[in-house]
Amino acid sequence: MRAALSEGNATLPASPAMPTLKDSMCCMCKAPLPAGAAYVRCSVASCNSGRFKLRFCSVACWEAHLPTARHRNADYVRVDPTEANSG
């Protein structure tokens, strides 16, 4: 196999594109969240820390994550990137 790779005869299988911060999806329904689109996030710090920050396409999807999240006092925050960049 190494010989084939060094000779340039072997081709690697195409891998799917890695998601970026610009293009994300709702963590509940997997609907795409286009870059610059408004989204809903959880107010609890553990949902917004680390590598994977939970984003939701709607309040209904945010509410769907509550039974498994076990938050004591949770709320949602509507984030509109276009408003943040306007000022």
Protein backbone atom coordinates (compact mmCIF):
# COMPACT_ATOMS: atom_id res chain seq x y z
CA MET A 1 0.00 0.00 0.00
CA ARG A 2 2.80 2.43 0.85
CA ALA A 3 4.45 1.73 -2.46
CA ALA A 4 1.24 2.46 -4.31
CA LEU A 5 0.82 5.74 -2.45
CA SER A 6 4.39 6.79 -3.04
CA GLU A 7 4.09 6.02 -6.75
CA GLY A 8 0.92 8.11 -6.98
CA ASN A 9 -1.16 5.21 -8.35
CA ALA A 10 -3.57 4.95 -5.43
CA THR A 11 -6.46 7.32 -4.95
CA LEU A 12 -7.94 8.08 -1.57
CA PRO A 13 -11.71 7.86 -1.11
CA ALA A 14 -13.50 11.19 -1.04
CA SER A 15 -14.44 12.26 2.46
CA PRO A 16 -17.50 14.35 3.28
CA ALA A 17 -16.86 18.00 3.96
CA MET A 18 -16.29 18.81 7.60
CA PRO A 19 -18.87 21.18 9.07
CA THR A 20 -17.55 24.61 9.92
CA LEU A 21 -18.72 27.30 12.27
CA LYS A 22 -20.13 29.14 9.28
CA ASP A 23 -22.41 26.24 8.37
CA SER A 24 -24.06 24.45 11.26
CA MET A 25 -27.23 22.55 12.00
CA CYS A 26 -29.89 22.34 14.65
CA CYS A 27 -28.75 19.81 17.22
CA MET A 28 -32.28 18.37 17.60
CA CYS A 29 -33.87 18.17 14.14
CA LYS A 30 -30.63 18.49 12.11
CA ALA A 31 -32.08 21.29 9.97
CA PRO A 32 -29.29 23.36 8.38
CA LEU A 33 -28.58 26.76 9.90
CA PRO A 34 -27.13 28.90 7.11
CA ALA A 35 -24.26 31.24 7.86
CA GLY A 36 -25.59 34.53 9.22
CA ALA A 37 -29.05 33.14 10.04
CA ALA A 38 -30.74 33.68 13.39
CA TYR A 39 -30.79 30.75 15.81
CA VAL A 40 -31.74 29.89 19.39
CA ARG A 41 -29.25 28.82 22.03
CA CYS A 42 -29.58 27.54 25.57
CA SER A 43 -28.77 29.94 28.42
CA VAL A 44 -27.07 27.19 30.47
CA ALA A 45 -23.29 27.43 30.31
CA SER A 46 -22.71 23.69 29.92
CA CYS A 47 -24.67 23.76 26.65
CA ASN A 48 -22.48 26.54 25.27
CA SER A 49 -19.01 25.49 26.31
CA GLY A 50 -16.46 23.17 24.85
CA ARG A 51 -16.17 22.17 21.22
CA PHE A 52 -19.82 21.62 20.46
CA LYS A 53 -22.09 24.54 21.18
CA LEU A 54 -25.75 23.63 20.97
CA ARG A 55 -27.71 25.63 18.41
CA PHE A 56 -31.41 25.23 17.70
CA CYS A 57 -33.50 26.32 14.73
CA SER A 58 -36.55 27.12 16.87
CA VAL A 59 -37.83 27.40 20.41
CA ALA A 60 -39.63 24.07 19.90
CA CYS A 61 -36.30 22.32 19.25
CA TRP A 62 -34.80 24.03 22.32
CA GLU A 63 -37.72 22.76 24.42
CA ALA A 64 -37.20 19.25 23.03
CA HIS A 65 -33.68 19.11 24.51
CA LEU A 66 -34.82 20.00 28.05
CA PRO A 67 -35.99 16.52 29.20
CA THR A 68 -32.56 15.03 28.60
CA ALA A 69 -30.53 18.09 29.66
CA ARG A 70 -31.78 18.17 33.29
CA HIS A 71 -31.32 21.92 33.71
CA ARG A 72 -32.53 23.56 36.93
CA ASN A 73 -33.17 27.03 35.54
CA ALA A 74 -33.03 27.11 31.78
CA ASP A 75 -34.01 29.74 29.29
CA TYR A 76 -33.30 30.36 25.64
CA VAL A 77 -31.55 33.23 23.91
CA ARG A 78 -32.38 34.30 20.38
CA VAL A 79 -29.18 35.12 18.51
CA ASP A 80 -29.33 37.22 15.35
CA PRO A 81 -25.83 37.68 13.92
CA THR A 82 -26.99 40.45 11.59
CA GLU A 83 -27.98 42.63 14.58
CA ALA A 84 -24.62 42.07 16.29
CA ASN A 85 -22.69 43.22 13.23
CA SER A 86 -24.83 46.28 12.53
CA GLY A 87 -23.58 48.37 15.46
